[in-house]
Amino acid sequence: MICTSYGITFKSYIPVTCKVLHSTYPSPKMGERFGQHLEPSGLYCILRPPLDDNLPAFPWWATQITMRQPLVMEFGGGYEEDTNWKKVLYRQYGKTGNDLTTAMREENFDGIVTCHSDSEVAEIVYLLVRSLNYDG
């Protein structure tokens, strides 16, 4: 899958650099509701518009990341649907959390870019950093 947002093209195995935003507040523990019980550990981000040089309001943290070998995949359906990206990865690797991230890192993936069917970036998970949340 190839997706393009803000003029940046994302394709599996192709290095890419982009500006992102990450919330420093911990996500509430929602379990199965948002597929948290299946998701890999990493830095969850949204793509930052490249022309937006204003500093984001707290709790958002702005940075730039480079992924040398991202996995680009369709976001899929809702979290309860089998096509959702978290369920797809769980079926493929049979692992969750840190174990899933470790397995993906062993295949040299350093990020996950999920895209909507219209090819817009939905969410980015940077696998080289576990968390910037204050609770660790």
Protein backbone atom coordinates (compact mmCIF):
# COMPACT_ATOMS: atom_id res chain seq x y z
CA MET A 1 0.00 0.00 0.00
CA ILE A 2 1.12 3.52 -0.75
CA CYS A 3 -0.37 6.55 0.93
CA THR A 4 0.35 10.24 0.62
CA SER A 5 -0.48 12.98 3.10
CA TYR A 6 0.74 16.59 3.01
CA GLY A 7 2.88 15.73 0.00
CA ILE A 8 4.77 12.98 1.85
CA THR A 9 4.60 9.50 0.32
CA PHE A 10 4.65 6.48 2.61
CA LYS A 11 5.49 3.04 1.21
CA SER A 12 6.61 -0.10 3.04
CA TYR A 13 10.38 -0.60 3.20
CA ILE A 14 11.09 2.91 1.84
CA PRO A 15 12.76 5.39 4.26
CA VAL A 16 10.69 8.46 5.12
CA THR A 17 11.05 11.49 7.39
CA CYS A 18 8.02 13.35 8.69
CA LYS A 19 6.88 15.73 11.41
CA VAL A 20 4.56 14.22 13.97
CA LEU A 21 2.57 15.11 17.07
CA HIS A 22 2.40 12.88 20.15
CA SER A 23 0.18 13.37 23.19
CA THR A 24 2.24 13.19 26.37
CA TYR A 25 -0.84 12.23 28.37
CA PRO A 26 -1.25 8.50 28.90
CA SER A 27 -4.14 6.95 27.02
CA PRO A 28 -6.95 5.74 29.24
CA LYS A 29 -7.02 1.97 29.59
CA MET A 30 -9.86 0.96 27.24
CA GLY A 31 -8.93 -2.68 26.62
CA GLU A 32 -10.78 -4.20 23.68
CA ARG A 33 -12.77 -1.05 22.87
CA PHE A 34 -9.92 0.44 20.81
CA GLY A 35 -7.92 -2.73 20.35
CA GLN A 36 -5.42 -1.76 23.04
CA HIS A 37 -5.18 -5.38 24.15
CA LEU A 38 -3.67 -6.23 20.73
CA GLU A 39 -1.60 -3.19 19.83
CA PRO A 40 2.18 -3.03 19.64
CA SER A 41 4.08 -0.84 22.06
CA GLY A 42 5.62 2.28 20.60
CA LEU A 43 5.22 6.01 20.20
CA TYR A 44 1.71 6.67 18.83
CA CYS A 45 1.64 9.79 16.67
CA ILE A 46 -0.38 11.71 14.17
CA LEU A 47 1.11 13.40 11.13
CA ARG A 48 1.80 17.12 11.61
CA PRO A 49 1.08 19.47 8.71
CA PRO A 50 4.51 20.46 7.34
CA LEU A 51 3.69 24.17 7.12
CA ASP A 52 2.50 24.34 10.74
CA ASP A 53 5.51 25.71 12.62
CA ASN A 54 3.49 26.87 15.61
CA LEU A 55 4.30 25.06 18.81
CA PRO A 56 1.43 22.79 19.77
CA ALA A 57 -0.43 23.33 23.01
CA PHE A 58 0.30 21.04 25.94
CA PRO A 59 -0.03 18.02 26.11
CA TRP A 60 1.09 17.69 22.49
CA TRP A 61 4.76 17.19 21.74
CA ALA A 62 6.09 17.92 18.26
CA THR A 63 9.08 16.19 16.74
CA GLN A 64 10.43 14.80 13.51
CA ILE A 65 11.00 11.09 13.00
CA THR A 66 12.78 9.08 10.34
CA MET A 67 11.63 5.55 9.66
CA ARG A 68 14.18 3.59 7.65
CA GLN A 69 11.88 0.60 7.10
CA PRO A 70 8.23 1.35 7.87
CA LEU A 71 5.37 -1.06 7.41
CA VAL A 72 2.58 0.79 5.60
CA MET A 73 -0.83 -0.83 5.90
CA GLU A 74 -4.51 -0.06 5.63
CA PHE A 75 -6.14 1.04 8.89
CA GLY A 76 -9.00 -1.30 8.05
CA GLY A 77 -12.39 -1.38 9.68
CA GLY A 78 -13.40 -0.47 13.19
CA TYR A 79 -11.53 -1.92 16.15
CA GLU A 80 -14.03 -4.75 16.51
CA GLU A 81 -13.65 -5.79 12.85
CA ASP A 82 -11.20 -8.42 11.59
CA THR A 83 -9.80 -5.98 9.01
CA ASN A 84 -8.54 -3.52 11.64
CA TRP A 85 -4.75 -3.15 11.50
CA LYS A 86 -4.26 -4.26 15.11
CA LYS A 87 -6.13 -7.51 14.50
CA VAL A 88 -4.26 -8.06 11.22
CA LEU A 89 -0.89 -7.75 12.98
CA TYR A 90 -2.04 -9.98 15.83
CA ARG A 91 -3.08 -12.70 13.37
CA GLN A 92 0.20 -12.36 11.48
CA TYR A 93 2.55 -12.42 14.49
CA GLY A 94 0.45 -14.00 17.27
CA LYS A 95 1.87 -11.44 19.70
CA THR A 96 0.85 -8.18 21.39
CA GLY A 97 2.50 -5.26 23.19
CA ASN A 98 6.27 -5.39 23.68
CA ASP A 99 6.42 -8.91 22.21
CA LEU A 100 4.80 -7.73 18.98
CA THR A 101 7.12 -4.74 18.75
CA THR A 102 10.14 -6.98 19.33
CA ALA A 103 9.01 -9.39 16.61
CA MET A 104 8.52 -6.53 14.16
CA ARG A 105 11.90 -5.02 15.07
CA GLU A 106 13.49 -8.43 14.39
CA GLU A 107 12.15 -8.05 10.84
CA ASN A 108 13.77 -4.58 10.76
CA PHE A 109 10.51 -2.62 10.85
CA ASP A 110 10.96 0.60 12.79
CA GLY A 111 7.49 2.05 12.31
CA ILE A 112 3.92 1.35 11.30
CA VAL A 113 1.98 3.79 9.15
CA THR A 114 -1.75 3.13 8.95
CA CYS A 115 -3.73 4.64 6.10
CA HIS A 116 -7.40 5.10 5.39
CA SER A 117 -8.76 3.67 2.15
CA ASP A 118 -8.53 7.14 0.59
CA SER A 119 -4.76 6.85 1.20
CA GLU A 120 -4.60 9.50 3.95
CA VAL A 121 -2.37 8.67 6.92
CA ALA A 122 -4.44 7.70 9.97
CA GLU A 123 -1.86 6.94 12.64
CA ILE A 124 1.87 6.34 12.96
CA VAL A 125 3.50 4.06 15.51
CA TYR A 126 7.23 4.66 15.91
CA LEU A 127 8.63 1.35 17.14
CA LEU A 128 12.04 2.65 18.24
CA VAL A 129 10.58 4.58 21.19
CA ARG A 130 8.19 2.95 23.63
CA SER A 131 6.54 5.99 25.22
CA LEU A 132 6.95 9.60 26.21
CA ASN A 133 4.02 9.41 28.63
CA TYR A 134 4.73 10.71 32.09
CA ASP A 135 3.81 7.35 33.64
CA GLY A 136 6.58 5.62 31.67
